[in-house]
Amino acid sequence: HQLSGGMRQRVMIAMAISCNPALLIADEPTTALDVT
């Protein structure tokens, strides 16, 4: 809750790539974010 929406999504990406996956599935990863 101390992070912005964009920062939280970056944390989710960090968690997703933490084990160097061969395939990353991104399901509507920017739905709740502004255009920038």
PDB file of all heavy atoms in Angstrom:
ATOM      1  N   HIS A   1       0.815  -1.219   0.000  1.00  0.00           N
ATOM      2  CA  HIS A   1       0.000   0.000   0.000  1.00  0.00           C
ATOM      3  C   HIS A   1       0.850   1.272   0.000  1.00  0.00           C
ATOM      4  O   HIS A   1       0.336   2.365  -0.277  1.00  0.00           O
ATOM      5  CB  HIS A   1      -0.947   0.013   1.218  1.00  0.00           C
ATOM      6  CG  HIS A   1      -0.250   0.263   2.529  1.00  0.00           C
ATOM      7  ND1 HIS A   1       0.258  -0.775   3.289  1.00  0.00           N
ATOM      8  CD2 HIS A   1       0.034   1.415   3.198  1.00  0.00           C
ATOM      9  CE1 HIS A   1       0.814  -0.266   4.381  1.00  0.00           C
ATOM     10  NE2 HIS A   1       0.691   1.057   4.353  1.00  0.00           N
ATOM     11  N   GLN A   2       2.141   1.136   0.279  1.00  0.00           N
ATOM     12  CA  GLN A   2       3.026   2.300   0.274  1.00  0.00           C
ATOM     13  C   GLN A   2       3.565   2.613  -1.115  1.00  0.00           C
ATOM     14  O   GLN A   2       4.254   3.626  -1.292  1.00  0.00           O
ATOM     15  CB  GLN A   2       4.194   2.069   1.249  1.00  0.00           C
ATOM     16  CG  GLN A   2       3.768   1.974   2.708  1.00  0.00           C
ATOM     17  CD  GLN A   2       4.927   1.642   3.622  1.00  0.00           C
ATOM     18  OE1 GLN A   2       5.399   0.504   3.672  1.00  0.00           O
ATOM     19  NE2 GLN A   2       5.417   2.641   4.345  1.00  0.00           N
ATOM     20  N   LEU A   3       3.253   1.769  -2.088  1.00  0.00           N
ATOM     21  CA  LEU A   3       3.738   1.944  -3.451  1.00  0.00           C
ATOM     22  C   LEU A   3       2.607   2.372  -4.377  1.00  0.00           C
ATOM     23  O   LEU A   3       1.440   2.052  -4.147  1.00  0.00           O
ATOM     24  CB  LEU A   3       4.355   0.639  -3.968  1.00  0.00           C
ATOM     25  CG  LEU A   3       5.500   0.039  -3.141  1.00  0.00           C
ATOM     26  CD1 LEU A   3       5.916  -1.298  -3.744  1.00  0.00           C
ATOM     27  CD2 LEU A   3       6.683   0.992  -3.081  1.00  0.00           C
ATOM     28  N   SER A   4       2.952   3.076  -5.433  1.00  0.00           N
ATOM     29  CA  SER A   4       1.964   3.447  -6.453  1.00  0.00           C
ATOM     30  C   SER A   4       1.581   2.219  -7.272  1.00  0.00           C
ATOM     31  O   SER A   4       2.237   1.162  -7.189  1.00  0.00           O
ATOM     32  CB  SER A   4       2.551   4.513  -7.377  1.00  0.00           C
ATOM     33  OG  SER A   4       3.620   3.953  -8.140  1.00  0.00           O
ATOM     34  N   GLY A   5       0.533   2.344  -8.090  1.00  0.00           N
ATOM     35  CA  GLY A   5       0.099   1.217  -8.926  1.00  0.00           C
ATOM     36  C   GLY A   5       1.192   0.748  -9.867  1.00  0.00           C
ATOM     37  O   GLY A   5       1.404  -0.455 -10.043  1.00  0.00           O
ATOM     38  N   GLY A   6       1.913   1.708 -10.483  1.00  0.00           N
ATOM     39  CA  GLY A   6       2.997   1.336 -11.389  1.00  0.00           C
ATOM     40  C   GLY A   6       4.136   0.637 -10.671  1.00  0.00           C
ATOM     41  O   GLY A   6       4.716  -0.322 -11.183  1.00  0.00           O
ATOM     42  N   MET A   7       4.450   1.103  -9.459  1.00  0.00           N
ATOM     43  CA  MET A   7       5.505   0.467  -8.668  1.00  0.00           C
ATOM     44  C   MET A   7       5.111  -0.946  -8.256  1.00  0.00           C
ATOM     45  O   MET A   7       5.936  -1.867  -8.282  1.00  0.00           O
ATOM     46  CB  MET A   7       5.786   1.299  -7.415  1.00  0.00           C
ATOM     47  CG  MET A   7       6.432   2.634  -7.703  1.00  0.00           C
ATOM     48  SD  MET A   7       8.199   2.474  -7.960  1.00  0.00           S
ATOM     49  CE  MET A   7       8.808   3.607  -6.741  1.00  0.00           C
ATOM     50  N   ARG A   8       3.848  -1.126  -7.861  1.00  0.00           N
ATOM     51  CA  ARG A   8       3.387  -2.465  -7.483  1.00  0.00           C
ATOM     52  C   ARG A   8       3.476  -3.421  -8.668  1.00  0.00           C
ATOM     53  O   ARG A   8       3.849  -4.586  -8.500  1.00  0.00           O
ATOM     54  CB  ARG A   8       1.945  -2.401  -6.957  1.00  0.00           C
ATOM     55  CG  ARG A   8       1.822  -1.779  -5.580  1.00  0.00           C
ATOM     56  CD  ARG A   8       0.464  -2.039  -4.964  1.00  0.00           C
ATOM     57  NE  ARG A   8      -0.600  -1.351  -5.677  1.00  0.00           N
ATOM     58  CZ  ARG A   8      -1.089  -0.161  -5.346  1.00  0.00           C
ATOM     59  NH1 ARG A   8      -0.577   0.492  -4.309  1.00  0.00           N
ATOM     60  NH2 ARG A   8      -2.079   0.376  -6.026  1.00  0.00           N
ATOM     61  N   GLN A   9       3.144  -2.922  -9.862  1.00  0.00           N
ATOM     62  CA  GLN A   9       3.235  -3.789 -11.031  1.00  0.00           C
ATOM     63  C   GLN A   9       4.688  -4.139 -11.329  1.00  0.00           C
ATOM     64  O   GLN A   9       4.996  -5.260 -11.742  1.00  0.00           O
ATOM     65  CB  GLN A   9       2.576  -3.110 -12.236  1.00  0.00           C
ATOM     66  CG  GLN A   9       2.236  -4.043 -13.385  1.00  0.00           C
ATOM     67  CD  GLN A   9       1.304  -5.173 -12.993  1.00  0.00           C
ATOM     68  OE1 GLN A   9       1.719  -6.137 -12.349  1.00  0.00           O
ATOM     69  NE2 GLN A   9       0.046  -5.072 -13.382  1.00  0.00           N
ATOM     70  N   ARG A  10       5.604  -3.215 -11.082  1.00  0.00           N
ATOM     71  CA  ARG A  10       7.032  -3.506 -11.257  1.00  0.00           C
ATOM     72  C   ARG A  10       7.495  -4.570 -10.257  1.00  0.00           C
ATOM     73  O   ARG A  10       8.324  -5.419 -10.580  1.00  0.00           O
ATOM     74  CB  ARG A  10       7.857  -2.230 -11.103  1.00  0.00           C
ATOM     75  CG  ARG A  10       7.695  -1.260 -12.265  1.00  0.00           C
ATOM     76  CD  ARG A  10       8.367   0.077 -11.982  1.00  0.00           C
ATOM     77  NE  ARG A  10       8.003   1.065 -12.976  1.00  0.00           N
ATOM     78  CZ  ARG A  10       8.702   1.308 -14.084  1.00  0.00           C
ATOM     79  NH1 ARG A  10       9.818   0.639 -14.327  1.00  0.00           N
ATOM     80  NH2 ARG A  10       8.300   2.216 -14.947  1.00  0.00           N
ATOM     81  N   VAL A  11       6.963  -4.508  -9.039  1.00  0.00           N
ATOM     82  CA  VAL A  11       7.278  -5.539  -8.049  1.00  0.00           C
ATOM     83  C   VAL A  11       6.793  -6.899  -8.537  1.00  0.00           C
ATOM     84  O   VAL A  11       7.502  -7.916  -8.417  1.00  0.00           O
ATOM     85  CB  VAL A  11       6.645  -5.197  -6.682  1.00  0.00           C
ATOM     86  CG1 VAL A  11       6.734  -6.392  -5.725  1.00  0.00           C
ATOM     87  CG2 VAL A  11       7.335  -3.983  -6.067  1.00  0.00           C
ATOM     88  N   MET A  12       5.588  -6.934  -9.119  1.00  0.00           N
ATOM     89  CA  MET A  12       5.058  -8.188  -9.650  1.00  0.00           C
ATOM     90  C   MET A  12       5.937  -8.725 -10.777  1.00  0.00           C
ATOM     91  O   MET A  12       6.163  -9.930 -10.890  1.00  0.00           O
ATOM     92  CB  MET A  12       3.623  -7.985 -10.149  1.00  0.00           C
ATOM     93  CG  MET A  12       2.586  -7.814  -9.060  1.00  0.00           C
ATOM     94  SD  MET A  12       2.488  -9.240  -7.959  1.00  0.00           S
ATOM     95  CE  MET A  12       2.093 -10.538  -9.120  1.00  0.00           C
ATOM     96  N   ILE A  13       6.445  -7.817 -11.608  1.00  0.00           N
ATOM     97  CA  ILE A  13       7.338  -8.241 -12.698  1.00  0.00           C
ATOM     98  C   ILE A  13       8.642  -8.784 -12.112  1.00  0.00           C
ATOM     99  O   ILE A  13       9.157  -9.816 -12.557  1.00  0.00           O
ATOM    100  CB  ILE A  13       7.603  -7.066 -13.663  1.00  0.00           C
ATOM    101  CG1 ILE A  13       6.315  -6.654 -14.378  1.00  0.00           C
ATOM    102  CG2 ILE A  13       8.667  -7.448 -14.693  1.00  0.00           C
ATOM    103  CD1 ILE A  13       6.423  -5.362 -15.155  1.00  0.00           C
ATOM    104  N   ALA A  14       9.179  -8.095 -11.092  1.00  0.00           N
ATOM    105  CA  ALA A  14      10.405  -8.575 -10.436  1.00  0.00           C
ATOM    106  C   ALA A  14      10.197  -9.976  -9.872  1.00  0.00           C
ATOM    107  O   ALA A  14      11.069 -10.850  -9.991  1.00  0.00           O
ATOM    108  CB  ALA A  14      10.812  -7.601  -9.325  1.00  0.00           C
ATOM    109  N   MET A  15       9.041 -10.191  -9.254  1.00  0.00           N
ATOM    110  CA  MET A  15       8.745 -11.511  -8.696  1.00  0.00           C
ATOM    111  C   MET A  15       8.642 -12.552  -9.809  1.00  0.00           C
ATOM    112  O   MET A  15       9.143 -13.676  -9.682  1.00  0.00           O
ATOM    113  CB  MET A  15       7.423 -11.439  -7.917  1.00  0.00           C
ATOM    114  CG  MET A  15       7.172 -12.616  -6.994  1.00  0.00           C
ATOM    115  SD  MET A  15       5.608 -12.448  -6.102  1.00  0.00           S
ATOM    116  CE  MET A  15       5.885 -10.923  -5.214  1.00  0.00           C
ATOM    117  N   ALA A  16       8.014 -12.161 -10.925  1.00  0.00           N
ATOM    118  CA  ALA A  16       7.812 -13.105 -12.027  1.00  0.00           C
ATOM    119  C   ALA A  16       9.116 -13.510 -12.700  1.00  0.00           C
ATOM    120  O   ALA A  16       9.255 -14.639 -13.173  1.00  0.00           O
ATOM    121  CB  ALA A  16       6.845 -12.505 -13.050  1.00  0.00           C
ATOM    122  N   ILE A  17      10.088 -12.590 -12.763  1.00  0.00           N
ATOM    123  CA  ILE A  17      11.358 -12.909 -13.445  1.00  0.00           C
ATOM    124  C   ILE A  17      12.429 -13.372 -12.469  1.00  0.00           C
ATOM    125  O   ILE A  17      13.569 -13.602 -12.869  1.00  0.00           O
ATOM    126  CB  ILE A  17      11.879 -11.695 -14.249  1.00  0.00           C
ATOM    127  CG1 ILE A  17      12.254 -10.538 -13.309  1.00  0.00           C
ATOM    128  CG2 ILE A  17      10.856 -11.253 -15.292  1.00  0.00           C
ATOM    129  CD1 ILE A  17      13.007  -9.409 -13.994  1.00  0.00           C
ATOM    130  N   SER A  18      12.077 -13.527 -11.193  1.00  0.00           N
ATOM    131  CA  SER A  18      13.077 -13.830 -10.163  1.00  0.00           C
ATOM    132  C   SER A  18      13.811 -15.132 -10.402  1.00  0.00           C
ATOM    133  O   SER A  18      14.946 -15.303  -9.949  1.00  0.00           O
ATOM    134  CB  SER A  18      12.417 -13.853  -8.784  1.00  0.00           C
ATOM    135  OG  SER A  18      11.430 -14.869  -8.715  1.00  0.00           O
ATOM    136  N   CYS A  19      13.186 -16.084 -11.090  1.00  0.00           N
ATOM    137  CA  CYS A  19      13.826 -17.378 -11.347  1.00  0.00           C
ATOM    138  C   CYS A  19      14.231 -17.547 -12.811  1.00  0.00           C
ATOM    139  O   CYS A  19      14.455 -18.664 -13.280  1.00  0.00           O
ATOM    140  CB  CYS A  19      12.896 -18.511 -10.917  1.00  0.00           C
ATOM    141  SG  CYS A  19      12.475 -18.494  -9.169  1.00  0.00           S
ATOM    142  N   ASN A  20      14.304 -16.418 -13.537  1.00  0.00           N
ATOM    143  CA  ASN A  20      14.682 -16.443 -14.959  1.00  0.00           C
ATOM    144  C   ASN A  20      13.834 -17.419 -15.776  1.00  0.00           C
ATOM    145  O   ASN A  20      14.348 -18.382 -16.368  1.00  0.00           O
ATOM    146  CB  ASN A  20      16.164 -16.796 -15.122  1.00  0.00           C
ATOM    147  CG  ASN A  20      17.078 -15.690 -14.625  1.00  0.00           C
ATOM    148  OD1 ASN A  20      16.861 -14.526 -14.916  1.00  0.00           O
ATOM    149  ND2 ASN A  20      18.077 -16.063 -13.849  1.00  0.00           N
ATOM    150  N   PRO A  21      12.517 -17.209 -15.841  1.00  0.00           N
ATOM    151  CA  PRO A  21      11.656 -18.127 -16.586  1.00  0.00           C
ATOM    152  C   PRO A  21      11.911 -18.047 -18.090  1.00  0.00           C
ATOM    153  O   PRO A  21      12.387 -17.025 -18.596  1.00  0.00           O
ATOM    154  CB  PRO A  21      10.244 -17.621 -16.252  1.00  0.00           C
ATOM    155  CG  PRO A  21      10.430 -16.160 -15.995  1.00  0.00           C
ATOM    156  CD  PRO A  21      11.766 -16.052 -15.299  1.00  0.00           C
ATOM    157  N   ALA A  22      11.590 -19.131 -18.773  1.00  0.00           N
ATOM    158  CA  ALA A  22      11.694 -19.142 -20.226  1.00  0.00           C
ATOM    159  C   ALA A  22      10.469 -18.507 -20.868  1.00  0.00           C
ATOM    160  O   ALA A  22      10.521 -18.029 -22.006  1.00  0.00           O
ATOM    161  CB  ALA A  22      11.854 -20.575 -20.731  1.00  0.00           C
ATOM    162  N   LEU A  23       9.330 -18.497 -20.136  1.00  0.00           N
ATOM    163  CA  LEU A  23       8.087 -17.920 -20.652  1.00  0.00           C
ATOM    164  C   LEU A  23       7.454 -17.053 -19.574  1.00  0.00           C
ATOM    165  O   LEU A  23       7.248 -17.501 -18.443  1.00  0.00           O
ATOM    166  CB  LEU A  23       7.102 -19.021 -21.062  1.00  0.00           C
ATOM    167  CG  LEU A  23       5.690 -18.556 -21.479  1.00  0.00           C
ATOM    168  CD1 LEU A  23       5.750 -17.680 -22.724  1.00  0.00           C
ATOM    169  CD2 LEU A  23       4.769 -19.756 -21.715  1.00  0.00           C
ATOM    170  N   LEU A  24       7.138 -15.812 -19.938  1.00  0.00           N
ATOM    171  CA  LEU A  24       6.443 -14.892 -19.040  1.00  0.00           C
ATOM    172  C   LEU A  24       5.062 -14.610 -19.633  1.00  0.00           C
ATOM    173  O   LEU A  24       4.953 -14.120 -20.759  1.00  0.00           O
ATOM    174  CB  LEU A  24       7.230 -13.592 -18.899  1.00  0.00           C
ATOM    175  CG  LEU A  24       6.577 -12.492 -18.058  1.00  0.00           C
ATOM    176  CD1 LEU A  24       6.470 -12.928 -16.606  1.00  0.00           C
ATOM    177  CD2 LEU A  24       7.369 -11.183 -18.169  1.00  0.00           C
ATOM    178  N   ILE A  25       4.010 -14.922 -18.876  1.00  0.00           N
ATOM    179  CA  ILE A  25       2.642 -14.631 -19.296  1.00  0.00           C
ATOM    180  C   ILE A  25       2.196 -13.359 -18.588  1.00  0.00           C
ATOM    181  O   ILE A  25       2.224 -13.284 -17.358  1.00  0.00           O
ATOM    182  CB  ILE A  25       1.698 -15.798 -18.950  1.00  0.00           C
ATOM    183  CG1 ILE A  25       2.168 -17.084 -19.634  1.00  0.00           C
ATOM    184  CG2 ILE A  25       0.265 -15.476 -19.363  1.00  0.00           C
ATOM    185  CD1 ILE A  25       1.391 -18.327 -19.213  1.00  0.00           C
ATOM    186  N   ALA A  26       1.805 -12.355 -19.353  1.00  0.00           N
ATOM    187  CA  ALA A  26       1.357 -11.077 -18.797  1.00  0.00           C
ATOM    188  C   ALA A  26      -0.121 -10.903 -19.142  1.00  0.00           C
ATOM    189  O   ALA A  26      -0.468 -10.640 -20.289  1.00  0.00           O
ATOM    190  CB  ALA A  26       2.188  -9.929 -19.364  1.00  0.00           C
ATOM    191  N   ASP A  27      -0.978 -11.054 -18.135  1.00  0.00           N
ATOM    192  CA  ASP A  27      -2.428 -10.990 -18.346  1.00  0.00           C
ATOM    193  C   ASP A  27      -2.931  -9.583 -18.035  1.00  0.00           C
ATOM    194  O   ASP A  27      -3.080  -9.211 -16.879  1.00  0.00           O
ATOM    195  CB  ASP A  27      -3.130 -12.015 -17.448  1.00  0.00           C
ATOM    196  CG  ASP A  27      -4.631 -12.094 -17.723  1.00  0.00           C
ATOM    197  OD1 ASP A  27      -5.096 -11.449 -18.672  1.00  0.00           O
ATOM    198  OD2 ASP A  27      -5.331 -12.789 -16.980  1.00  0.00           O
ATOM    199  N   GLU A  28      -3.170  -8.802 -19.086  1.00  0.00           N
ATOM    200  CA  GLU A  28      -3.643  -7.420 -18.940  1.00  0.00           C
ATOM    201  C   GLU A  28      -2.810  -6.684 -17.878  1.00  0.00           C
ATOM    202  O   GLU A  28      -3.352  -6.139 -16.913  1.00  0.00           O
ATOM    203  CB  GLU A  28      -5.127  -7.415 -18.535  1.00  0.00           C
ATOM    204  CG  GLU A  28      -6.058  -8.148 -19.487  1.00  0.00           C
ATOM    205  CD  GLU A  28      -6.588  -7.245 -20.603  1.00  0.00           C
ATOM    206  OE1 GLU A  28      -6.080  -6.121 -20.762  1.00  0.00           O
ATOM    207  OE2 GLU A  28      -7.497  -7.679 -21.315  1.00  0.00           O
ATOM    208  N   PRO A  29      -1.486  -6.627 -18.031  1.00  0.00           N
ATOM    209  CA  PRO A  29      -0.647  -6.102 -16.948  1.00  0.00           C
ATOM    210  C   PRO A  29      -0.763  -4.605 -16.721  1.00  0.00           C
ATOM    211  O   PRO A  29      -0.233  -4.097 -15.736  1.00  0.00           O
ATOM    212  CB  PRO A  29       0.769  -6.468 -17.411  1.00  0.00           C
ATOM    213  CG  PRO A  29       0.680  -6.472 -18.901  1.00  0.00           C
ATOM    214  CD  PRO A  29      -0.689  -7.006 -19.211  1.00  0.00           C
ATOM    215  N   THR A  30      -1.447  -3.876 -17.619  1.00  0.00           N
ATOM    216  CA  THR A  30      -1.507  -2.415 -17.483  1.00  0.00           C
ATOM    217  C   THR A  30      -2.934  -1.896 -17.355  1.00  0.00           C
ATOM    218  O   THR A  30      -3.166  -0.701 -17.492  1.00  0.00           O
ATOM    219  CB  THR A  30      -0.829  -1.748 -18.700  1.00  0.00           C
ATOM    220  OG1 THR A  30      -1.496  -2.160 -19.906  1.00  0.00           O
ATOM    221  CG2 THR A  30       0.635  -2.141 -18.796  1.00  0.00           C
ATOM    222  N   THR A  31      -3.889  -2.781 -17.077  1.00  0.00           N
ATOM    223  CA  THR A  31      -5.290  -2.380 -17.043  1.00  0.00           C
ATOM    224  C   THR A  31      -5.557  -1.250 -16.056  1.00  0.00           C
ATOM    225  O   THR A  31      -6.301  -0.314 -16.355  1.00  0.00           O
ATOM    226  CB  THR A  31      -6.179  -3.595 -16.684  1.00  0.00           C
ATOM    227  OG1 THR A  31      -6.048  -4.564 -17.722  1.00  0.00           O
ATOM    228  CG2 THR A  31      -7.632  -3.198 -16.574  1.00  0.00           C
ATOM    229  N   ALA A  32      -4.978  -1.316 -14.864  1.00  0.00           N
ATOM    230  CA  ALA A  32      -5.286  -0.335 -13.811  1.00  0.00           C
ATOM    231  C   ALA A  32      -4.351   0.873 -13.829  1.00  0.00           C
ATOM    232  O   ALA A  32      -4.393   1.691 -12.916  1.00  0.00           O
ATOM    233  CB  ALA A  32      -5.219  -1.020 -12.447  1.00  0.00           C
ATOM    234  N   LEU A  33      -3.531   1.010 -14.874  1.00  0.00           N
ATOM    235  CA  LEU A  33      -2.525   2.072 -14.902  1.00  0.00           C
ATOM    236  C   LEU A  33      -2.883   3.151 -15.909  1.00  0.00           C
ATOM    237  O   LEU A  33      -3.594   2.897 -16.889  1.00  0.00           O
ATOM    238  CB  LEU A  33      -1.153   1.478 -15.259  1.00  0.00           C
ATOM    239  CG  LEU A  33      -0.684   0.308 -14.394  1.00  0.00           C
ATOM    240  CD1 LEU A  33       0.648  -0.202 -14.908  1.00  0.00           C
ATOM    241  CD2 LEU A  33      -0.584   0.709 -12.927  1.00  0.00           C
ATOM    242  N   ASP A  34      -2.372   4.364 -15.682  1.00  0.00           N
ATOM    243  CA  ASP A  34      -2.612   5.422 -16.667  1.00  0.00           C
ATOM    244  C   ASP A  34      -1.720   5.200 -17.883  1.00  0.00           C
ATOM    245  O   ASP A  34      -0.811   4.373 -17.877  1.00  0.00           O
ATOM    246  CB  ASP A  34      -2.411   6.814 -16.057  1.00  0.00           C
ATOM    247  CG  ASP A  34      -0.984   7.059 -15.586  1.00  0.00           C
ATOM    248  OD1 ASP A  34      -0.050   6.808 -16.360  1.00  0.00           O
ATOM    249  OD2 ASP A  34      -0.799   7.505 -14.442  1.00  0.00           O
ATOM    250  N   VAL A  35      -1.978   5.968 -18.936  1.00  0.00           N
ATOM    251  CA  VAL A  35      -1.344   5.709 -20.238  1.00  0.00           C
ATOM    252  C   VAL A  35       0.179   5.830 -20.161  1.00  0.00           C
ATOM    253  O   VAL A  35       0.904   5.022 -20.757  1.00  0.00           O
ATOM    254  CB  VAL A  35      -1.910   6.676 -21.299  1.00  0.00           C
ATOM    255  CG1 VAL A  35      -1.186   6.507 -22.617  1.00  0.00           C
ATOM    256  CG2 VAL A  35      -3.401   6.437 -21.492  1.00  0.00           C
ATOM    257  N   THR A  36       0.676   6.825 -19.448  1.00  0.00           N
ATOM    258  CA  THR A  36       2.129   7.021 -19.360  1.00  0.00           C
ATOM    259  C   THR A  36       2.808   5.842 -18.677  1.00  0.00           C
ATOM    260  O   THR A  36       3.812   5.312 -19.170  1.00  0.00           O
ATOM    261  CB  THR A  36       2.440   8.317 -18.583  1.00  0.00           C
ATOM    262  OG1 THR A  36       1.749   9.401 -19.192  1.00  0.00           O
ATOM    263  CG2 THR A  36       3.926   8.599 -18.590  1.00  0.00           C
TER     264      THR A  36
END
